[in-house]
């Protein structure tokens, strides 16, 4: 059985296959002195007018599922991922009428995979981005439409990744695609909102406020660039390396930017933008 899991950020290529199964969550990387430095958002300056119950519930659900994963043995965890994560080859077979040996219809994994994570840094990074950007999008869409929007973005993001790697046997998992959709809506609705960002510079660490249009825009361009690169180097970047779902990230972002306005992101009936 092929090992490795497709999650969010790519690890160093000299890691073992088992180490590569525990990737980082969302992040923006800057090259400094030939080294990659992780740029981490801390918070935005964009208050909300509601209690974002759905965002809180999604974070809680992801954390609870991850705690369950920690209770499993390595073999049990791999089998758990095989059942509930998106395995593109099996999704392809199900769409062509060939039913894989799974207890549930394969399309369900388009949603269940959104609550699975490959390690602590993976879930922590994803939940940090959801915490920062999700509440404002929920504020604009309302609780019910926001939940529909979130799950739809996650499913469409997974389908985007599947389109570019339909024959892969590597399970694809994580909330990244859905959260990328949240970010795609956020950049449209709040381009001038400032994101307090932690930036390591050599041996120093500083914080700066970056407009969302630049922070999220640069993140999207990174995903699109690496997605194109992964088409030329499937063994080192992306799915077959058990690394990064770049196309899920980029696809989720684009679908979020499309679905958000359709669901009322700019509706005058909601509170005015800060």
C-alpha atoms as a PDB file:
ATOM      1  CA  UNK A   1       0.000   0.000   0.000  1.00  0.00           C
ATOM      2  CA  UNK A   2       1.364   3.397  -0.971  1.00  0.00           C
ATOM      3  CA  UNK A   3       2.091   5.594   2.010  1.00  0.00           C
ATOM      4  CA  UNK A   4       1.937   9.340   2.403  1.00  0.00           C
ATOM      5  CA  UNK A   5      -0.932  11.767   2.730  1.00  0.00           C
ATOM      6  CA  UNK A   6      -1.784  14.858   0.736  1.00  0.00           C
ATOM      7  CA  UNK A   7      -2.428  17.758   3.088  1.00  0.00           C
ATOM      8  CA  UNK A   8      -1.330  21.370   2.973  1.00  0.00           C
ATOM      9  CA  UNK A   9       2.252  22.564   3.071  1.00  0.00           C
ATOM     10  CA  UNK A  10       5.174  20.667   1.577  1.00  0.00           C
ATOM     11  CA  UNK A  11       7.928  19.475   3.919  1.00  0.00           C
ATOM     12  CA  UNK A  12      11.622  19.312   3.169  1.00  0.00           C
ATOM     13  CA  UNK A  13      12.312  16.632   0.593  1.00  0.00           C
ATOM     14  CA  UNK A  14      14.892  14.832   2.751  1.00  0.00           C
ATOM     15  CA  UNK A  15      12.300  13.800   5.327  1.00  0.00           C
ATOM     16  CA  UNK A  16      11.253  10.209   5.583  1.00  0.00           C
ATOM     17  CA  UNK A  17       7.867   9.129   4.153  1.00  0.00           C
ATOM     18  CA  UNK A  18       6.473   8.789   7.676  1.00  0.00           C
ATOM     19  CA  UNK A  19       7.604  12.300   8.609  1.00  0.00           C
ATOM     20  CA  UNK A  20       6.079  13.599   5.401  1.00  0.00           C
ATOM     21  CA  UNK A  21       2.694  12.390   6.621  1.00  0.00           C
ATOM     22  CA  UNK A  22       2.645  15.179   9.224  1.00  0.00           C
ATOM     23  CA  UNK A  23       2.797  18.429   7.235  1.00  0.00           C
ATOM     24  CA  UNK A  24       2.367  22.009   8.354  1.00  0.00           C
ATOM     25  CA  UNK A  25      -0.936  23.768   7.948  1.00  0.00           C
ATOM     26  CA  UNK A  26      -1.471  26.989   6.034  1.00  0.00           C
ATOM     27  CA  UNK A  27       1.424  29.385   5.757  1.00  0.00           C
ATOM     28  CA  UNK A  28       3.220  31.840   3.519  1.00  0.00           C
ATOM     29  CA  UNK A  29       6.904  31.245   2.928  1.00  0.00           C
ATOM     30  CA  UNK A  30       9.450  33.968   2.229  1.00  0.00           C
ATOM     31  CA  UNK A  31      12.947  33.141   1.044  1.00  0.00           C
ATOM     32  CA  UNK A  32      15.620  34.747   3.209  1.00  0.00           C
ATOM     33  CA  UNK A  33      19.309  33.893   2.816  1.00  0.00           C
ATOM     34  CA  UNK A  34      18.388  30.682   0.933  1.00  0.00           C
ATOM     35  CA  UNK A  35      16.103  29.516   3.752  1.00  0.00           C
ATOM     36  CA  UNK A  36      12.331  29.367   3.975  1.00  0.00           C
ATOM     37  CA  UNK A  37      10.802  31.492   6.729  1.00  0.00           C
ATOM     38  CA  UNK A  38       7.190  30.929   7.707  1.00  0.00           C
ATOM     39  CA  UNK A  39       5.027  34.050   7.808  1.00  0.00           C
ATOM     40  CA  UNK A  40       2.219  33.548  10.323  1.00  0.00           C
ATOM     41  CA  UNK A  41      -0.976  35.641  10.680  1.00  0.00           C
ATOM     42  CA  UNK A  42      -1.905  36.441  14.273  1.00  0.00           C
ATOM     43  CA  UNK A  43      -5.170  38.386  13.958  1.00  0.00           C
ATOM     44  CA  UNK A  44      -6.973  40.938  11.829  1.00  0.00           C
ATOM     45  CA  UNK A  45      -8.410  44.327  12.709  1.00  0.00           C
ATOM     46  CA  UNK A  46     -11.849  43.439  11.391  1.00  0.00           C
ATOM     47  CA  UNK A  47     -14.508  43.260  14.160  1.00  0.00           C
ATOM     48  CA  UNK A  48     -17.722  41.271  13.775  1.00  0.00           C
ATOM     49  CA  UNK A  49     -21.277  42.022  14.846  1.00  0.00           C
ATOM     50  CA  UNK A  50     -22.331  38.441  15.585  1.00  0.00           C
ATOM     51  CA  UNK A  51     -21.118  35.479  17.572  1.00  0.00           C
ATOM     52  CA  UNK A  52     -19.612  33.190  14.890  1.00  0.00           C
ATOM     53  CA  UNK A  53     -21.142  29.966  16.175  1.00  0.00           C
ATOM     54  CA  UNK A  54     -20.514  28.018  12.968  1.00  0.00           C
ATOM     55  CA  UNK A  55     -16.824  28.942  12.883  1.00  0.00           C
ATOM     56  CA  UNK A  56     -16.497  27.879  16.524  1.00  0.00           C
ATOM     57  CA  UNK A  57     -18.323  24.623  15.790  1.00  0.00           C
ATOM     58  CA  UNK A  58     -16.135  23.850  12.778  1.00  0.00           C
ATOM     59  CA  UNK A  59     -12.984  24.423  14.817  1.00  0.00           C
ATOM     60  CA  UNK A  60     -14.324  22.223  17.612  1.00  0.00           C
ATOM     61  CA  UNK A  61     -15.266  19.457  15.163  1.00  0.00           C
ATOM     62  CA  UNK A  62     -11.823  19.472  13.569  1.00  0.00           C
ATOM     63  CA  UNK A  63     -10.106  19.346  16.947  1.00  0.00           C
ATOM     64  CA  UNK A  64     -12.333  16.522  18.213  1.00  0.00           C
ATOM     65  CA  UNK A  65     -11.701  14.427  15.099  1.00  0.00           C
ATOM     66  CA  UNK A  66      -7.973  15.018  15.466  1.00  0.00           C
ATOM     67  CA  UNK A  67      -8.087  13.910  19.107  1.00  0.00           C
ATOM     68  CA  UNK A  68      -9.802  10.744  17.930  1.00  0.00           C
ATOM     69  CA  UNK A  69      -7.031  10.214  15.381  1.00  0.00           C
ATOM     70  CA  UNK A  70      -4.485  10.398  18.200  1.00  0.00           C
ATOM     71  CA  UNK A  71      -6.195   7.430  19.886  1.00  0.00           C
ATOM     72  CA  UNK A  72      -5.592   5.190  16.855  1.00  0.00           C
ATOM     73  CA  UNK A  73      -2.611   2.978  16.156  1.00  0.00           C
ATOM     74  CA  UNK A  74      -0.617   3.791  12.978  1.00  0.00           C
ATOM     75  CA  UNK A  75      -2.313   0.982  11.050  1.00  0.00           C
ATOM     76  CA  UNK A  76      -5.752   2.023  12.282  1.00  0.00           C
ATOM     77  CA  UNK A  77      -5.033   5.643  11.374  1.00  0.00           C
ATOM     78  CA  UNK A  78      -3.979   4.732   7.849  1.00  0.00           C
ATOM     79  CA  UNK A  79      -7.126   2.679   7.378  1.00  0.00           C
ATOM     80  CA  UNK A  80      -9.210   5.522   8.839  1.00  0.00           C
ATOM     81  CA  UNK A  81      -7.725   7.910   6.283  1.00  0.00           C
ATOM     82  CA  UNK A  82      -8.271   5.418   3.479  1.00  0.00           C
ATOM     83  CA  UNK A  83     -11.986   5.280   4.309  1.00  0.00           C
ATOM     84  CA  UNK A  84     -12.746   8.929   5.105  1.00  0.00           C
ATOM     85  CA  UNK A  85     -10.173  10.899   3.054  1.00  0.00           C
ATOM     86  CA  UNK A  86     -10.495  11.487  -0.684  1.00  0.00           C
ATOM     87  CA  UNK A  87      -8.529   8.869  -2.612  1.00  0.00           C
ATOM     88  CA  UNK A  88      -8.610  10.226  -6.186  1.00  0.00           C
ATOM     89  CA  UNK A  89      -8.198   6.843  -7.847  1.00  0.00           C
ATOM     90  CA  UNK A  90     -11.189   5.474  -5.942  1.00  0.00           C
ATOM     91  CA  UNK A  91     -13.275   8.587  -6.603  1.00  0.00           C
ATOM     92  CA  UNK A  92     -12.487   8.195 -10.311  1.00  0.00           C
ATOM     93  CA  UNK A  93     -13.559   4.566 -10.201  1.00  0.00           C
ATOM     94  CA  UNK A  94     -16.821   5.426  -8.447  1.00  0.00           C
ATOM     95  CA  UNK A  95     -17.631   8.156 -10.984  1.00  0.00           C
ATOM     96  CA  UNK A  96     -17.029   5.720 -13.841  1.00  0.00           C
ATOM     97  CA  UNK A  97     -19.444   3.228 -12.321  1.00  0.00           C
ATOM     98  CA  UNK A  98     -16.890   0.951 -10.696  1.00  0.00           C
ATOM     99  CA  UNK A  99     -17.658   0.776  -6.991  1.00  0.00           C
ATOM    100  CA  UNK A 100     -14.544   0.644  -4.789  1.00  0.00           C
ATOM    101  CA  UNK A 101     -14.470  -1.599  -1.737  1.00  0.00           C
ATOM    102  CA  UNK A 102     -15.640   1.105   0.656  1.00  0.00           C
ATOM    103  CA  UNK A 103     -18.356   0.995   3.355  1.00  0.00           C
ATOM    104  CA  UNK A 104     -19.839   4.333   2.192  1.00  0.00           C
ATOM    105  CA  UNK A 105     -20.307   6.075  -1.170  1.00  0.00           C
ATOM    106  CA  UNK A 106     -17.033   7.655  -2.255  1.00  0.00           C
ATOM    107  CA  UNK A 107     -18.553  11.128  -2.765  1.00  0.00           C
ATOM    108  CA  UNK A 108     -19.045  11.415   0.999  1.00  0.00           C
ATOM    109  CA  UNK A 109     -15.271  11.751   1.358  1.00  0.00           C
ATOM    110  CA  UNK A 110     -15.487  15.129  -0.388  1.00  0.00           C
ATOM    111  CA  UNK A 111     -16.988  16.347   2.889  1.00  0.00           C
ATOM    112  CA  UNK A 112     -15.588  13.987   5.525  1.00  0.00           C
ATOM    113  CA  UNK A 113     -11.998  14.651   4.397  1.00  0.00           C
ATOM    114  CA  UNK A 114     -12.423  18.286   5.413  1.00  0.00           C
ATOM    115  CA  UNK A 115     -12.294  17.264   9.085  1.00  0.00           C
ATOM    116  CA  UNK A 116      -9.166  15.082   8.913  1.00  0.00           C
ATOM    117  CA  UNK A 117      -5.612  16.224   9.582  1.00  0.00           C
ATOM    118  CA  UNK A 118      -2.195  14.611   9.377  1.00  0.00           C
ATOM    119  CA  UNK A 119      -0.584  16.085  12.473  1.00  0.00           C
ATOM    120  CA  UNK A 120      -0.674  18.767  15.161  1.00  0.00           C
ATOM    121  CA  UNK A 121       0.905  21.515  13.042  1.00  0.00           C
ATOM    122  CA  UNK A 122      -1.460  20.662  10.215  1.00  0.00           C
ATOM    123  CA  UNK A 123      -4.627  21.104  12.275  1.00  0.00           C
ATOM    124  CA  UNK A 124      -3.221  24.044  14.268  1.00  0.00           C
ATOM    125  CA  UNK A 125      -2.268  25.984  11.146  1.00  0.00           C
ATOM    126  CA  UNK A 126      -5.615  25.381   9.479  1.00  0.00           C
ATOM    127  CA  UNK A 127      -7.616  26.335  12.556  1.00  0.00           C
ATOM    128  CA  UNK A 128      -5.580  29.518  13.024  1.00  0.00           C
ATOM    129  CA  UNK A 129      -6.512  30.697   9.532  1.00  0.00           C
ATOM    130  CA  UNK A 130     -10.153  29.686  10.063  1.00  0.00           C
ATOM    131  CA  UNK A 131     -10.238  31.542  13.390  1.00  0.00           C
ATOM    132  CA  UNK A 132      -8.854  34.743  11.834  1.00  0.00           C
ATOM    133  CA  UNK A 133     -10.797  34.888   8.574  1.00  0.00           C
ATOM    134  CA  UNK A 134     -13.878  32.728   9.114  1.00  0.00           C
ATOM    135  CA  UNK A 135     -15.771  34.912  11.576  1.00  0.00           C
ATOM    136  CA  UNK A 136     -15.974  37.890   9.215  1.00  0.00           C
ATOM    137  CA  UNK A 137     -17.257  35.797   6.305  1.00  0.00           C
ATOM    138  CA  UNK A 138     -19.807  34.174   8.609  1.00  0.00           C
ATOM    139  CA  UNK A 139     -20.844  37.664   9.740  1.00  0.00           C
ATOM    140  CA  UNK A 140     -21.534  38.656   6.144  1.00  0.00           C
ATOM    141  CA  UNK A 141     -23.241  35.466   4.952  1.00  0.00           C
ATOM    142  CA  UNK A 142     -25.127  34.461   8.086  1.00  0.00           C
ATOM    143  CA  UNK A 143     -24.762  31.163   9.926  1.00  0.00           C
ATOM    144  CA  UNK A 144     -26.645  28.784   7.601  1.00  0.00           C
ATOM    145  CA  UNK A 145     -25.348  30.121   4.282  1.00  0.00           C
ATOM    146  CA  UNK A 146     -21.831  30.259   5.706  1.00  0.00           C
ATOM    147  CA  UNK A 147     -21.938  26.565   6.608  1.00  0.00           C
ATOM    148  CA  UNK A 148     -23.208  25.699   3.116  1.00  0.00           C
ATOM    149  CA  UNK A 149     -20.522  27.927   1.622  1.00  0.00           C
ATOM    150  CA  UNK A 150     -17.745  26.343   3.711  1.00  0.00           C
ATOM    151  CA  UNK A 151     -18.653  22.745   2.902  1.00  0.00           C
ATOM    152  CA  UNK A 152     -19.227  23.538  -0.789  1.00  0.00           C
ATOM    153  CA  UNK A 153     -15.825  25.231  -1.084  1.00  0.00           C
ATOM    154  CA  UNK A 154     -14.160  22.238   0.555  1.00  0.00           C
ATOM    155  CA  UNK A 155     -15.842  19.770  -1.793  1.00  0.00           C
ATOM    156  CA  UNK A 156     -15.099  21.849  -4.894  1.00  0.00           C
ATOM    157  CA  UNK A 157     -11.492  22.277  -3.780  1.00  0.00           C
ATOM    158  CA  UNK A 158     -11.128  18.503  -3.436  1.00  0.00           C
ATOM    159  CA  UNK A 159     -12.609  18.047  -6.912  1.00  0.00           C
ATOM    160  CA  UNK A 160     -10.110  20.564  -8.288  1.00  0.00           C
ATOM    161  CA  UNK A 161      -7.241  18.527  -6.860  1.00  0.00           C
ATOM    162  CA  UNK A 162      -8.856  15.332  -8.152  1.00  0.00           C
ATOM    163  CA  UNK A 163      -9.065  16.809 -11.666  1.00  0.00           C
ATOM    164  CA  UNK A 164      -5.277  17.211 -11.779  1.00  0.00           C
ATOM    165  CA  UNK A 165      -4.443  13.866 -10.128  1.00  0.00           C
ATOM    166  CA  UNK A 166      -7.378  11.562 -10.807  1.00  0.00           C
ATOM    167  CA  UNK A 167      -5.229   8.435 -10.854  1.00  0.00           C
ATOM    168  CA  UNK A 168      -3.413   9.008  -7.580  1.00  0.00           C
ATOM    169  CA  UNK A 169      -3.702   6.542  -4.708  1.00  0.00           C
ATOM    170  CA  UNK A 170      -2.543   9.059  -2.084  1.00  0.00           C
ATOM    171  CA  UNK A 171      -5.358  10.068   0.333  1.00  0.00           C
ATOM    172  CA  UNK A 172      -6.172  13.778   0.274  1.00  0.00           C
ATOM    173  CA  UNK A 173      -7.292  15.292   3.563  1.00  0.00           C
ATOM    174  CA  UNK A 174      -7.550  18.516   5.535  1.00  0.00           C
ATOM    175  CA  UNK A 175      -9.676  21.625   5.926  1.00  0.00           C
ATOM    176  CA  UNK A 176      -7.365  23.614   3.654  1.00  0.00           C
ATOM    177  CA  UNK A 177      -9.638  23.745   0.614  1.00  0.00           C
ATOM    178  CA  UNK A 178     -12.654  24.941   2.582  1.00  0.00           C
ATOM    179  CA  UNK A 179     -10.589  27.554   4.433  1.00  0.00           C
ATOM    180  CA  UNK A 180      -9.074  28.682   1.142  1.00  0.00           C
ATOM    181  CA  UNK A 181     -12.636  29.361   0.034  1.00  0.00           C
ATOM    182  CA  UNK A 182     -13.150  31.490   3.138  1.00  0.00           C
ATOM    183  CA  UNK A 183      -9.996  33.403   2.238  1.00  0.00           C
ATOM    184  CA  UNK A 184     -11.200  33.917  -1.336  1.00  0.00           C
ATOM    185  CA  UNK A 185     -14.399  35.500  -0.034  1.00  0.00           C
ATOM    186  CA  UNK A 186     -12.513  37.529   2.574  1.00  0.00           C
ATOM    187  CA  UNK A 187     -10.139  39.131   0.065  1.00  0.00           C
ATOM    188  CA  UNK A 188     -13.104  40.315  -2.008  1.00  0.00           C
ATOM    189  CA  UNK A 189     -15.123  41.700   0.868  1.00  0.00           C
ATOM    190  CA  UNK A 190     -12.358  43.050   3.103  1.00  0.00           C
ATOM    191  CA  UNK A 191      -9.349  43.851   0.890  1.00  0.00           C
ATOM    192  CA  UNK A 192      -8.251  46.744   3.107  1.00  0.00           C
ATOM    193  CA  UNK A 193      -8.506  44.888   6.415  1.00  0.00           C
ATOM    194  CA  UNK A 194      -5.092  44.611   8.032  1.00  0.00           C
ATOM    195  CA  UNK A 195      -3.629  41.298   9.126  1.00  0.00           C
ATOM    196  CA  UNK A 196      -1.148  41.412  11.998  1.00  0.00           C
ATOM    197  CA  UNK A 197       1.573  39.090  10.779  1.00  0.00           C
ATOM    198  CA  UNK A 198       4.549  37.459  12.489  1.00  0.00           C
ATOM    199  CA  UNK A 199       7.646  37.599  10.270  1.00  0.00           C
ATOM    200  CA  UNK A 200      10.989  35.997  11.168  1.00  0.00           C
ATOM    201  CA  UNK A 201      13.942  37.890   9.672  1.00  0.00           C
ATOM    202  CA  UNK A 202      17.183  36.000  10.117  1.00  0.00           C
ATOM    203  CA  UNK A 203      17.547  35.725  13.924  1.00  0.00           C
ATOM    204  CA  UNK A 204      14.937  38.406  14.626  1.00  0.00           C
ATOM    205  CA  UNK A 205      11.147  38.165  14.826  1.00  0.00           C
ATOM    206  CA  UNK A 206       8.886  41.120  14.129  1.00  0.00           C
ATOM    207  CA  UNK A 207       5.215  41.824  13.462  1.00  0.00           C
ATOM    208  CA  UNK A 208       3.778  43.976  10.707  1.00  0.00           C
ATOM    209  CA  UNK A 209       0.276  44.855   9.577  1.00  0.00           C
ATOM    210  CA  UNK A 210      -0.341  43.733   6.003  1.00  0.00           C
ATOM    211  CA  UNK A 211      -3.495  44.583   4.012  1.00  0.00           C
ATOM    212  CA  UNK A 212      -5.513  41.449   3.349  1.00  0.00           C
ATOM    213  CA  UNK A 213      -5.357  42.007  -0.409  1.00  0.00           C
ATOM    214  CA  UNK A 214      -1.567  41.578  -0.283  1.00  0.00           C
ATOM    215  CA  UNK A 215      -1.392  38.874   2.392  1.00  0.00           C
ATOM    216  CA  UNK A 216      -4.052  36.642   0.835  1.00  0.00           C
ATOM    217  CA  UNK A 217      -3.229  37.639  -2.728  1.00  0.00           C
ATOM    218  CA  UNK A 218       0.391  36.573  -2.326  1.00  0.00           C
ATOM    219  CA  UNK A 219      -0.742  33.327  -0.697  1.00  0.00           C
ATOM    220  CA  UNK A 220      -2.984  32.553  -3.680  1.00  0.00           C
ATOM    221  CA  UNK A 221      -0.237  33.299  -6.186  1.00  0.00           C
ATOM    222  CA  UNK A 222       2.045  30.900  -4.307  1.00  0.00           C
ATOM    223  CA  UNK A 223      -0.511  28.121  -4.505  1.00  0.00           C
ATOM    224  CA  UNK A 224      -1.150  28.701  -8.206  1.00  0.00           C
ATOM    225  CA  UNK A 225       2.576  28.802  -8.981  1.00  0.00           C
ATOM    226  CA  UNK A 226       3.344  25.600  -7.091  1.00  0.00           C
ATOM    227  CA  UNK A 227       0.264  23.974  -8.580  1.00  0.00           C
ATOM    228  CA  UNK A 228       1.584  24.603 -12.090  1.00  0.00           C
ATOM    229  CA  UNK A 229       5.044  23.422 -10.991  1.00  0.00           C
ATOM    230  CA  UNK A 230       3.542  20.218  -9.606  1.00  0.00           C
ATOM    231  CA  UNK A 231       2.306  19.307 -13.079  1.00  0.00           C
ATOM    232  CA  UNK A 232       5.929  19.086 -14.218  1.00  0.00           C
ATOM    233  CA  UNK A 233       7.330  17.404 -11.090  1.00  0.00           C
ATOM    234  CA  UNK A 234       4.681  15.082  -9.599  1.00  0.00           C
ATOM    235  CA  UNK A 235       7.263  13.046  -7.705  1.00  0.00           C
ATOM    236  CA  UNK A 236       8.581  16.001  -5.728  1.00  0.00           C
ATOM    237  CA  UNK A 237       5.758  18.492  -5.428  1.00  0.00           C
ATOM    238  CA  UNK A 238       2.184  17.687  -4.581  1.00  0.00           C
ATOM    239  CA  UNK A 239       0.215  14.551  -4.587  1.00  0.00           C
ATOM    240  CA  UNK A 240       2.573  11.703  -5.371  1.00  0.00           C
ATOM    241  CA  UNK A 241       5.111  13.107  -2.945  1.00  0.00           C
ATOM    242  CA  UNK A 242       2.544  12.889  -0.193  1.00  0.00           C
ATOM    243  CA  UNK A 243       2.885  16.628   0.259  1.00  0.00           C
ATOM    244  CA  UNK A 244       0.778  19.561  -0.829  1.00  0.00           C
ATOM    245  CA  UNK A 245      -2.696  19.916  -2.310  1.00  0.00           C
ATOM    246  CA  UNK A 246      -1.792  23.103  -4.174  1.00  0.00           C
ATOM    247  CA  UNK A 247      -4.621  22.791  -6.648  1.00  0.00           C
ATOM    248  CA  UNK A 248      -7.106  22.264  -3.802  1.00  0.00           C
ATOM    249  CA  UNK A 249      -5.857  25.489  -2.220  1.00  0.00           C
ATOM    250  CA  UNK A 250      -6.037  27.491  -5.448  1.00  0.00           C
ATOM    251  CA  UNK A 251      -9.360  25.949  -6.462  1.00  0.00           C
ATOM    252  CA  UNK A 252     -10.929  26.548  -3.065  1.00  0.00           C
ATOM    253  CA  UNK A 253      -9.817  30.185  -3.163  1.00  0.00           C
ATOM    254  CA  UNK A 254     -11.340  30.755  -6.615  1.00  0.00           C
ATOM    255  CA  UNK A 255     -14.602  29.005  -5.771  1.00  0.00           C
ATOM    256  CA  UNK A 256     -14.839  30.994  -2.540  1.00  0.00           C
ATOM    257  CA  UNK A 257     -14.486  34.216  -4.501  1.00  0.00           C
ATOM    258  CA  UNK A 258     -17.276  33.035  -6.814  1.00  0.00           C
ATOM    259  CA  UNK A 259     -19.702  31.549  -4.284  1.00  0.00           C
ATOM    260  CA  UNK A 260     -19.334  34.285  -1.668  1.00  0.00           C
ATOM    261  CA  UNK A 261     -20.998  37.046  -3.721  1.00  0.00           C
ATOM    262  CA  UNK A 262     -23.647  34.608  -4.979  1.00  0.00           C
ATOM    263  CA  UNK A 263     -24.617  33.830  -1.378  1.00  0.00           C
ATOM    264  CA  UNK A 264     -24.839  37.458  -0.269  1.00  0.00           C
ATOM    265  CA  UNK A 265     -21.296  38.480   0.647  1.00  0.00           C
ATOM    266  CA  UNK A 266     -22.065  42.052  -0.453  1.00  0.00           C
ATOM    267  CA  UNK A 267     -25.712  42.083   0.630  1.00  0.00           C
ATOM    268  CA  UNK A 268     -26.857  45.471   1.876  1.00  0.00           C
ATOM    269  CA  UNK A 269     -28.997  43.770   4.513  1.00  0.00           C
ATOM    270  CA  UNK A 270     -25.888  42.754   6.436  1.00  0.00           C
ATOM    271  CA  UNK A 271     -23.820  45.063   8.588  1.00  0.00           C
ATOM    272  CA  UNK A 272     -21.711  47.686   6.874  1.00  0.00           C
ATOM    273  CA  UNK A 273     -18.041  46.958   6.304  1.00  0.00           C
ATOM    274  CA  UNK A 274     -15.706  48.386   8.931  1.00  0.00           C
END
